[in-house]
Structures are given as C-alpha cells and as structure tokens.
C-alpha cells in the first residue's frame, strides 16, 4: 500500500508538505513513486493515483535517464544531490526541472521511502539563481562601500588622535611660563585685596587648564599605546592616603561627609603608585562634583579572593541606566547641558579604566538611577602578599 503524506509527517507537517509550492516525491529503493504531493503530481503531468506505484525513471526523457540514475547514486553516497532533467509531461518538448534529492531519514525507512526529491521548474530555478546572483552582487558592492567608509572612519579617528596629541603639547608649552610666573607672584607680598583675589583666580584657572591638558595627553598616550606603568611593591594604604589627601580640598569645599575604610591587615600590591593615585583621585573628584553639598562619600578597601577591591560610593546625582554601558568612553558625560556642567572633558573615567586595565584589573560602575547615587568598584589582582608595618587608616572628615 502506498504511503500517504500523513503516514510520513505529523498533521502539521503533512499540511505543509501537501500545500508546498515545490513538488515533493518519495521513491522507494527501486525508484518507484510511493509518495507525491499536489504540486509534484501537477509537474509530473498526471493524477496522483495514477502516479503512485510508477517507476519515476520512465517519466524522464531518455537522454537524461543515466543522469537521474547517477543522481540517485550521489544521494546514496553523499546523502544529497542536485541535477537537471527533462520530464515527459509536456508533449513535444518536455518540462525541464531541477531535482534536489536526499536520502530519507532512518525513521522514515519503514514507509518504504528511501529518496526524497524536491522538484522545481528549471525556469523558476534560473530566476531564483539570477536573484541570488543579484543579491550577492549587491552585498559585494555594499561590502566595498562599507570597507571604504570604515577606512575613512579609521583615518578620521587617527587624525583626531593626532590632533588631540598636538593640541595637548601646544597648550602645555605656554602653560609652563604662566605657571612659573604664578609661582613668582605667590612669593610677592600683595597688599591690595583685589590683586590677591585676581592672583587666586588666575592660579585656580591655570591649575584647571593644566589638568585638562594632562588629561588630553594621557588619552593621547592611551590611544597610541604609549601609556606605561612603573610598578613597584607598595602598601595600598599609602596609595589611598595620597589620593584622599589630594581630593580632600574639593570635598571640604563642598562640605561633604566622607569616610575611608581599610582592612585591618595591610594589602601589598605591585602598582604604579602615581597612576593608581591618579585613578582613585579621579573617582573621588567625580563623586565630589556630582554629589550635592553636604552629601556623603565612602571610600572602602577590601579583599575578595585574589583581588583588592576599592569602592568609591556617593549619595550624588546617580547615573541613568542608558549611560552605564558607555560611561567609560572618551568624551562621555552624563549631562552636558550648561546649567549642569561640572567642568572637564569627559576623559577622567576613560583614563581610570585604562590605568586599572594596565594593572590587570577591572572597574565597573553601578547606579540605581538618577538621584540615587553611584558606586565605582575597582578590582586589582594581588601580585604578592607580604608582612608590612601596620599603617593607621585614614580618618573620616
């Protein structure tokens, strides 16, 4: 008894098989038709009942029969095969078709079907092939355009990096004599209060400009791979003390409450002290800038497995979740509007991340959203552990 589609597929599969726009024919090991769908019967030019039990070879034009037998052999050998033959379904000229054959899965062998043939008209196949070739050509053209755009983007990025490096060096040149002049002015006795005020304003602005230039130069070194570390064994408490001492004036100016917590035992790390102090200072300065006056800042150091963990947490403005994934990108600031500007170029966190990564560590930012504060957690690997004299922990302000 011939195997109907419902015997081979479940109900959903049988519907798909029967209504498919492609002809499907199932052959037994002798090449006799055991299954055929509606499209297959149409392409073979007969009634389904008349086709079932017929030898498929006899439905093929004689010049193509050897090719069809080779096709079945390929299916047995490789599991699949593809060939073109002419069916004897159109009197006088036949119907060129493409046969896409494959052996039936083992679970279908009980249905006596060993080969499945998907039949499409050669004209349809040629149209499809032409469409595929056109699509490939369009993809190739788009790839060429994309490559050109990528090249232009990289070239623009390279020129931008070169410009920033040149700008940093050019700005640093006139800064040196200005700072020297300010150092001399500080030594002079100024009796006029207005003159003292002007001197203090210029001094503060020169210091701020110097920090901006240093940030530009650091980012330039980062993108050029020239930022290097001079690592030596150090007690992490010494680094924390220097960072807090440097950041204390800004926190005091904004009347922040701040606390530093260190573990009872010393943590010995192999670090570039100056760069690590710079990184922690940047985090403390960010906390001070974005925390309203009278807010709180906590700097905590702890041990976690083989890492020293440094956390800077505040009760400040917080960070929108949309900004967290790119917070460490260069020139990114959460709020760039003039009424909320806190100064800087948006380079501080980029520099912090690179310094931490050069130490083999990792840094992440956390925040529950705007107005809910933020926390930056820095993890540094412990290079060695040694007994060092106990240092008194930095106090709270």
Protein backbone atom coordinates (compact mmCIF):
# COMPACT_ATOMS: atom_id res chain seq x y z
CA UNK A 1 0.00 0.00 0.00
CA UNK A 2 1.33 3.42 -0.96
CA UNK A 3 2.46 5.65 1.90
CA UNK A 4 0.46 8.88 2.06
CA UNK A 5 1.91 12.15 3.48
CA UNK A 6 0.03 11.66 6.75
CA UNK A 7 1.95 8.42 7.26
CA UNK A 8 5.29 10.21 6.98
CA UNK A 9 4.65 13.55 8.70
CA UNK A 10 2.57 14.64 11.64
CA UNK A 11 -0.58 16.61 10.82
CA UNK A 12 1.16 19.99 10.67
CA UNK A 13 3.97 18.56 8.54
CA UNK A 14 1.51 16.82 6.21
CA UNK A 15 -0.31 20.12 5.56
CA UNK A 16 2.97 21.89 4.82
CA UNK A 17 4.07 19.05 2.54
CA UNK A 18 0.78 18.86 0.65
CA UNK A 19 0.40 22.63 0.10
CA UNK A 20 4.04 23.39 -0.66
CA UNK A 21 4.72 25.25 -3.96
CA UNK A 22 7.51 22.76 -4.62
CA UNK A 23 6.88 19.27 -5.91
CA UNK A 24 7.78 16.52 -3.43
CA UNK A 25 8.15 12.91 -4.49
CA UNK A 26 9.14 9.96 -2.29
CA UNK A 27 10.78 6.96 -4.02
CA UNK A 28 11.45 3.50 -2.66
CA UNK A 29 14.86 1.82 -3.13
CA UNK A 30 13.82 0.71 -6.64
CA UNK A 31 12.85 4.22 -7.70
CA UNK A 32 9.10 3.58 -7.59
CA UNK A 33 6.89 6.53 -6.57
CA UNK A 34 5.43 5.93 -3.11
CA UNK A 35 4.53 9.50 -2.10
CA UNK A 36 3.71 12.59 -4.14
CA UNK A 37 2.16 15.91 -3.18
CA UNK A 38 -0.22 18.00 -5.27
CA UNK A 39 2.49 20.18 -6.84
CA UNK A 40 4.54 17.09 -7.64
CA UNK A 41 1.58 15.45 -9.39
CA UNK A 42 1.00 18.63 -11.39
CA UNK A 43 4.64 18.81 -12.53
CA UNK A 44 4.62 15.10 -13.42
CA UNK A 45 1.51 15.69 -15.53
CA UNK A 46 -0.77 13.04 -14.05
CA UNK A 47 -3.28 12.09 -11.41
CA UNK A 48 -1.83 11.20 -8.04
CA UNK A 49 -3.50 7.77 -8.02
CA UNK A 50 -2.03 7.00 -11.45
CA UNK A 51 1.46 8.13 -10.45
CA UNK A 52 1.70 6.11 -7.24
CA UNK A 53 3.44 2.80 -7.99
CA UNK A 54 5.00 4.12 -11.22
CA UNK A 55 8.73 3.94 -11.95
CA UNK A 56 9.99 7.52 -11.82
CA UNK A 57 12.69 6.75 -14.39
CA UNK A 58 10.06 6.29 -17.11
CA UNK A 59 8.78 9.82 -16.54
CA UNK A 60 12.18 11.23 -17.58
CA UNK A 61 13.32 11.84 -21.15
CA UNK A 62 15.63 9.01 -22.34
CA UNK A 63 18.76 11.24 -22.78
CA UNK A 64 18.52 12.24 -19.09
CA UNK A 65 17.83 8.85 -17.51
CA UNK A 66 21.51 7.99 -16.97
CA UNK A 67 21.94 11.37 -15.27
CA UNK A 68 18.99 10.58 -12.99
CA UNK A 69 20.46 7.19 -12.00
CA UNK A 70 23.78 8.91 -11.24
CA UNK A 71 21.79 11.38 -9.15
CA UNK A 72 20.31 8.58 -7.03
CA UNK A 73 23.78 7.11 -6.59
CA UNK A 74 25.04 10.51 -5.35
CA UNK A 75 22.19 10.61 -2.88
CA UNK A 76 23.09 7.15 -1.57
CA UNK A 77 26.79 8.08 -1.32
CA UNK A 78 26.65 11.67 -0.05
CA UNK A 79 23.14 11.98 1.35
CA UNK A 80 22.16 14.73 -1.12
CA UNK A 81 22.40 15.52 -4.81
CA UNK A 82 21.33 18.10 -7.37
CA UNK A 83 20.70 17.63 -11.10
CA UNK A 84 18.59 18.87 -14.03
CA UNK A 85 16.43 16.56 -16.18
CA UNK A 86 13.53 16.85 -18.60
CA UNK A 87 10.19 15.32 -17.59
CA UNK A 88 7.91 13.76 -20.21
CA UNK A 89 4.95 15.85 -19.09
CA UNK A 90 4.70 18.41 -21.92
CA UNK A 91 4.01 16.71 -25.27
CA UNK A 92 6.54 17.55 -27.93
CA UNK A 93 9.13 19.23 -25.74
CA UNK A 94 9.05 18.01 -22.12
CA UNK A 95 9.46 20.07 -18.97
CA UNK A 96 13.00 20.97 -17.77
CA UNK A 97 13.15 20.63 -13.99
CA UNK A 98 15.70 20.69 -11.20
CA UNK A 99 15.80 17.69 -8.84
CA UNK A 100 17.10 18.32 -5.35
CA UNK A 101 17.38 14.85 -3.87
CA UNK A 102 18.32 13.44 -0.49
CA UNK A 103 18.05 10.13 1.29
CA UNK A 104 15.18 9.75 3.71
CA UNK A 105 15.98 9.80 7.45
CA UNK A 106 16.16 6.31 9.01
CA UNK A 107 12.88 6.80 10.88
CA UNK A 108 11.06 7.08 7.54
CA UNK A 109 12.53 3.90 6.03
CA UNK A 110 9.58 1.88 7.36
CA UNK A 111 7.37 3.82 4.90
CA UNK A 112 9.43 2.31 2.02
CA UNK A 113 10.59 5.83 1.09
CA UNK A 114 14.37 5.94 0.58
CA UNK A 115 14.73 9.06 -1.58
CA UNK A 116 13.02 12.41 -1.36
CA UNK A 117 13.02 14.56 -4.50
CA UNK A 118 12.16 18.26 -4.44
CA UNK A 119 11.14 19.27 -7.97
CA UNK A 120 11.16 22.83 -9.31
CA UNK A 121 10.84 24.06 -12.86
CA UNK A 122 14.23 24.94 -14.32
CA UNK A 123 12.92 28.36 -15.32
CA UNK A 124 11.94 29.04 -11.71
CA UNK A 125 15.34 27.81 -10.61
CA UNK A 126 17.10 30.05 -13.11
CA UNK A 127 15.04 33.00 -11.94
CA UNK A 128 15.92 32.18 -8.34
CA UNK A 129 19.59 31.75 -9.23
CA UNK A 130 19.57 35.11 -11.00
CA UNK A 131 18.01 36.72 -7.95
CA UNK A 132 20.63 35.12 -5.72
CA UNK A 133 23.43 36.31 -8.02
CA UNK A 134 21.98 39.81 -7.99
CA UNK A 135 21.74 39.74 -4.20
CA UNK A 136 25.35 38.54 -3.94
CA UNK A 137 26.45 41.34 -6.26
CA UNK A 138 24.58 43.93 -4.18
CA UNK A 139 26.10 42.52 -1.00
CA UNK A 140 29.57 42.68 -2.54
CA UNK A 141 29.01 46.30 -3.59
CA UNK A 142 27.77 47.17 -0.11
CA UNK A 143 30.77 45.43 1.41
CA UNK A 144 33.08 47.55 -0.75
CA UNK A 145 31.27 50.73 0.27
CA UNK A 146 31.34 49.66 3.92
CA UNK A 147 35.05 48.96 3.72
CA UNK A 148 35.62 52.41 2.21
CA UNK A 149 33.54 54.01 4.97
CA UNK A 150 35.42 52.05 7.64
CA UNK A 151 38.72 53.15 6.14
CA UNK A 152 37.56 56.78 6.11
CA UNK A 153 36.34 56.45 9.70
CA UNK A 154 39.65 54.97 10.88
CA UNK A 155 41.55 57.68 9.03
CA UNK A 156 39.38 60.37 10.62
CA UNK A 157 39.85 58.76 14.03
CA UNK A 158 43.63 58.63 13.52
CA UNK A 159 43.72 62.31 12.54
CA UNK A 160 41.59 63.18 15.57
CA UNK A 161 44.04 61.36 17.85
CA UNK A 162 46.97 63.14 16.22
CA UNK A 163 45.19 66.48 16.61
CA UNK A 164 44.49 65.87 20.32
CA UNK A 165 48.11 64.91 20.91
CA UNK A 166 49.34 68.01 19.09
CA UNK A 167 46.79 70.20 20.89
CA UNK A 168 47.88 68.88 24.29
CA UNK A 169 51.55 69.56 23.58
CA UNK A 170 50.85 73.01 22.08
CA UNK A 171 48.76 74.00 25.11
CA UNK A 172 51.37 72.72 27.51
CA UNK A 173 54.12 74.94 26.03
CA UNK A 174 52.61 78.32 27.05
CA UNK A 175 51.34 76.85 30.35
CA UNK A 176 54.86 76.30 31.68
CA UNK A 177 55.88 80.01 31.74
CA UNK A 178 52.43 81.03 33.02
CA UNK A 179 52.73 78.62 35.96
CA UNK A 180 56.26 79.83 36.66
CA UNK A 181 55.01 83.42 36.66
CA UNK A 182 52.22 82.47 39.06
CA UNK A 183 54.74 80.80 41.38
CA UNK A 184 56.74 84.05 41.48
CA UNK A 185 53.58 86.12 42.09
CA UNK A 186 52.64 83.90 45.05
CA UNK A 187 56.00 84.77 46.67
CA UNK A 188 55.41 88.51 46.29
CA UNK A 189 53.63 90.34 49.06
CA UNK A 190 50.38 91.70 47.65
CA UNK A 191 48.76 94.25 49.97
CA UNK A 192 45.86 95.07 47.66
CA UNK A 193 42.96 92.61 48.41
CA UNK A 194 41.70 92.90 44.83
CA UNK A 195 45.14 91.96 43.49
CA UNK A 196 45.25 88.93 45.78
CA UNK A 197 41.80 87.89 44.55
CA UNK A 198 42.88 88.22 40.90
CA UNK A 199 46.01 86.19 41.61
CA UNK A 200 43.97 83.40 43.26
CA UNK A 201 41.50 83.31 40.33
CA UNK A 202 44.29 83.05 37.77
CA UNK A 203 46.06 80.42 39.87
CA UNK A 204 42.92 78.25 40.08
CA UNK A 205 42.15 78.55 36.38
CA UNK A 206 45.72 77.79 35.36
CA UNK A 207 45.63 74.68 37.57
CA UNK A 208 42.34 73.60 35.97
CA UNK A 209 43.73 74.20 32.48
CA UNK A 210 46.83 72.17 33.38
CA UNK A 211 44.59 69.26 34.48
CA UNK A 212 42.67 69.39 31.19
CA UNK A 213 45.91 69.38 29.20
CA UNK A 214 47.23 66.45 31.26
CA UNK A 215 44.01 64.53 30.53
CA UNK A 216 44.37 65.21 26.80
CA UNK A 217 47.96 63.99 26.83
CA UNK A 218 47.02 60.87 28.83
CA UNK A 219 44.24 59.95 26.40
CA UNK A 220 46.62 60.53 23.51
CA UNK A 221 49.10 58.13 25.12
CA UNK A 222 46.30 55.60 25.68
CA UNK A 223 45.09 55.53 22.06
CA UNK A 224 48.68 55.31 20.83
CA UNK A 225 49.51 52.53 23.29
CA UNK A 226 52.20 54.66 24.94
CA UNK A 227 50.78 54.79 28.46
CA UNK A 228 53.12 52.62 30.53
CA UNK A 229 53.41 51.77 34.19
CA UNK A 230 56.35 51.78 36.60
CA UNK A 231 55.23 49.13 39.05
CA UNK A 232 56.79 48.59 42.46
CA UNK A 233 55.56 46.75 45.57
CA UNK A 234 53.55 49.10 47.78
CA UNK A 235 51.18 49.11 50.69
CA UNK A 236 47.76 50.01 49.26
CA UNK A 237 47.07 52.17 52.37
CA UNK A 238 49.82 54.57 51.25
CA UNK A 239 48.16 54.97 47.85
CA UNK A 240 44.76 55.58 49.48
CA UNK A 241 46.23 58.19 51.84
CA UNK A 242 47.78 60.12 48.95
CA UNK A 243 44.54 60.02 46.94
CA UNK A 244 42.43 61.21 49.88
CA UNK A 245 44.93 63.98 50.70
CA UNK A 246 44.80 65.20 47.09
CA UNK A 247 40.99 65.09 46.88
CA UNK A 248 40.29 66.43 50.38
CA UNK A 249 40.24 70.15 49.46
CA UNK A 250 37.43 69.66 46.92
CA UNK A 251 35.37 67.53 49.31
CA UNK A 252 35.91 70.04 52.13
CA UNK A 253 34.97 72.92 49.84
CA UNK A 254 31.62 71.25 49.09
CA UNK A 255 31.16 70.30 52.78
CA UNK A 256 30.92 66.59 52.03
CA UNK A 257 30.96 63.98 54.73
CA UNK A 258 33.49 61.35 53.69
CA UNK A 259 34.81 58.19 55.28
CA UNK A 260 37.65 55.83 54.44
CA UNK A 261 37.56 52.19 55.48
CA UNK A 262 40.63 49.93 55.24
CA UNK A 263 41.00 46.27 56.23
CA UNK A 264 42.85 45.56 59.50
CA UNK A 265 45.78 43.94 57.70
CA UNK A 266 47.98 45.64 55.09
CA UNK A 267 47.45 44.88 51.40
CA UNK A 268 50.64 44.66 49.40
CA UNK A 269 50.32 45.31 45.66
CA UNK A 270 52.69 45.79 42.78
CA UNK A 271 51.47 49.06 41.28
CA UNK A 272 52.43 52.33 39.66
CA UNK A 273 51.65 54.48 42.70
CA UNK A 274 51.37 57.78 40.81
CA UNK A 275 48.94 56.35 38.24
CA UNK A 276 46.84 54.50 40.81
CA UNK A 277 46.61 57.65 42.93
CA UNK A 278 45.51 59.47 39.78
CA UNK A 279 42.78 56.88 39.13
CA UNK A 280 41.40 56.98 42.68
CA UNK A 281 41.57 60.80 42.71
CA UNK A 282 39.52 60.89 39.52
CA UNK A 283 36.85 58.73 41.15
CA UNK A 284 36.82 60.86 44.32
CA UNK A 285 36.71 64.08 42.27
CA UNK A 286 33.79 62.73 40.24
CA UNK A 287 31.97 61.82 43.44
CA UNK A 288 32.61 65.30 44.84
CA UNK A 289 31.49 67.06 41.64
CA UNK A 290 28.25 65.12 41.23
CA UNK A 291 27.25 64.94 44.91
CA UNK A 292 25.31 67.95 46.24
CA UNK A 293 26.88 69.96 49.03
CA UNK A 294 26.59 68.19 52.37
CA UNK A 295 26.33 64.77 50.73
CA UNK A 296 28.29 61.65 51.69
CA UNK A 297 31.19 59.83 50.03
CA UNK A 298 32.62 56.48 51.12
CA UNK A 299 35.95 55.00 50.05
CA UNK A 300 36.20 51.34 51.04
CA UNK A 301 39.03 48.85 50.55
CA UNK A 302 38.51 45.11 50.97
CA UNK A 303 39.92 41.74 49.95
CA UNK A 304 37.94 39.43 47.68
CA UNK A 305 39.64 36.14 46.81
CA UNK A 306 42.80 37.16 44.96
CA UNK A 307 41.76 40.78 44.37
CA UNK A 308 41.97 44.04 46.23
CA UNK A 309 38.61 45.79 45.87
CA UNK A 310 38.44 49.59 46.02
CA UNK A 311 34.96 51.10 46.09
CA UNK A 312 34.00 54.78 45.83
CA UNK A 313 30.32 55.32 46.64
CA UNK A 314 28.35 58.55 46.95
CA UNK A 315 24.86 59.97 47.52
CA UNK A 316 25.08 62.08 44.37
CA UNK A 317 23.06 62.55 41.23
CA UNK A 318 23.34 58.93 40.09
CA UNK A 319 23.71 57.61 36.54
CA UNK A 320 20.86 56.79 34.11
CA UNK A 321 20.96 53.13 33.13
CA UNK A 322 21.26 54.08 29.44
CA UNK A 323 24.66 55.67 30.12
CA UNK A 324 26.19 52.83 32.13
CA UNK A 325 27.39 50.71 29.12
CA UNK A 326 29.36 53.63 27.63
CA UNK A 327 30.26 55.58 30.75
CA UNK A 328 33.96 54.84 30.30
CA UNK A 329 34.06 56.01 26.66
CA UNK A 330 36.09 59.12 25.93
CA UNK A 331 34.28 62.49 25.99
CA UNK A 332 31.15 60.97 27.58
CA UNK A 333 29.43 62.96 30.31
CA UNK A 334 26.04 62.15 31.74
CA UNK A 335 24.69 65.70 31.46
CA UNK A 336 26.38 68.10 29.04
CA UNK A 337 23.90 70.98 29.44
CA UNK A 338 25.50 74.22 30.51
CA UNK A 339 23.41 74.59 33.66
CA UNK A 340 24.64 71.18 34.89
CA UNK A 341 28.20 71.28 33.56
CA UNK A 342 30.78 70.24 36.14
CA UNK A 343 33.88 71.02 34.12
CA UNK A 344 36.27 68.63 32.43
CA UNK A 345 36.27 66.98 29.04
CA UNK A 346 34.72 63.64 29.93
CA UNK A 347 38.11 61.89 29.88
CA UNK A 348 38.61 61.09 33.56
CA UNK A 349 36.81 57.74 33.62
CA UNK A 350 38.45 56.67 30.35
CA UNK A 351 41.84 57.25 31.95
CA UNK A 352 40.77 55.45 35.14
CA UNK A 353 39.65 52.39 33.19
CA UNK A 354 42.89 52.21 31.21
CA UNK A 355 45.05 52.58 34.33
CA UNK A 356 43.11 49.79 36.05
CA UNK A 357 43.34 47.53 32.99
CA UNK A 358 47.09 48.13 32.70
CA UNK A 359 47.33 46.85 36.28
CA UNK A 360 45.49 43.71 35.17
CA UNK A 361 42.32 44.79 36.92
CA UNK A 362 38.73 45.69 36.12
CA UNK A 363 36.38 48.55 37.00
CA UNK A 364 32.61 48.76 36.87
CA UNK A 365 30.03 51.45 37.56
CA UNK A 366 26.80 50.86 39.45
CA UNK A 367 23.78 53.08 39.98
CA UNK A 368 20.09 52.56 40.57
CA UNK A 369 19.31 55.65 38.52
CA UNK A 370 19.25 59.41 38.68
CA UNK A 371 19.15 60.84 42.18
CA UNK A 372 20.15 57.51 43.77
CA UNK A 373 23.90 57.91 43.95
CA UNK A 374 26.56 55.81 42.25
CA UNK A 375 29.36 53.41 43.04
CA UNK A 376 32.58 52.62 41.19
CA UNK A 377 34.21 49.31 42.06
CA UNK A 378 37.84 48.73 41.11
CA UNK A 379 39.37 45.24 41.32
CA UNK A 380 43.15 44.82 41.30
CA UNK A 381 44.92 41.44 41.37
CA UNK A 382 47.15 40.72 44.35
CA UNK A 383 50.67 40.36 42.92
CA UNK A 384 52.25 39.38 46.23
CA UNK A 385 51.42 39.24 49.89
CA UNK A 386 53.98 40.29 52.47
CA UNK A 387 54.11 41.49 56.02
CA UNK A 388 54.50 45.24 56.16
CA UNK A 389 54.25 47.63 59.12
CA UNK A 390 50.66 48.48 60.00
CA UNK A 391 49.67 51.93 58.72
CA UNK A 392 46.97 53.91 60.53
CA UNK A 393 43.80 54.09 58.47
CA UNK A 394 42.81 57.43 57.02
CA UNK A 395 40.17 59.07 59.12
CA UNK A 396 36.83 60.46 58.18
CA UNK A 397 36.04 64.03 57.51
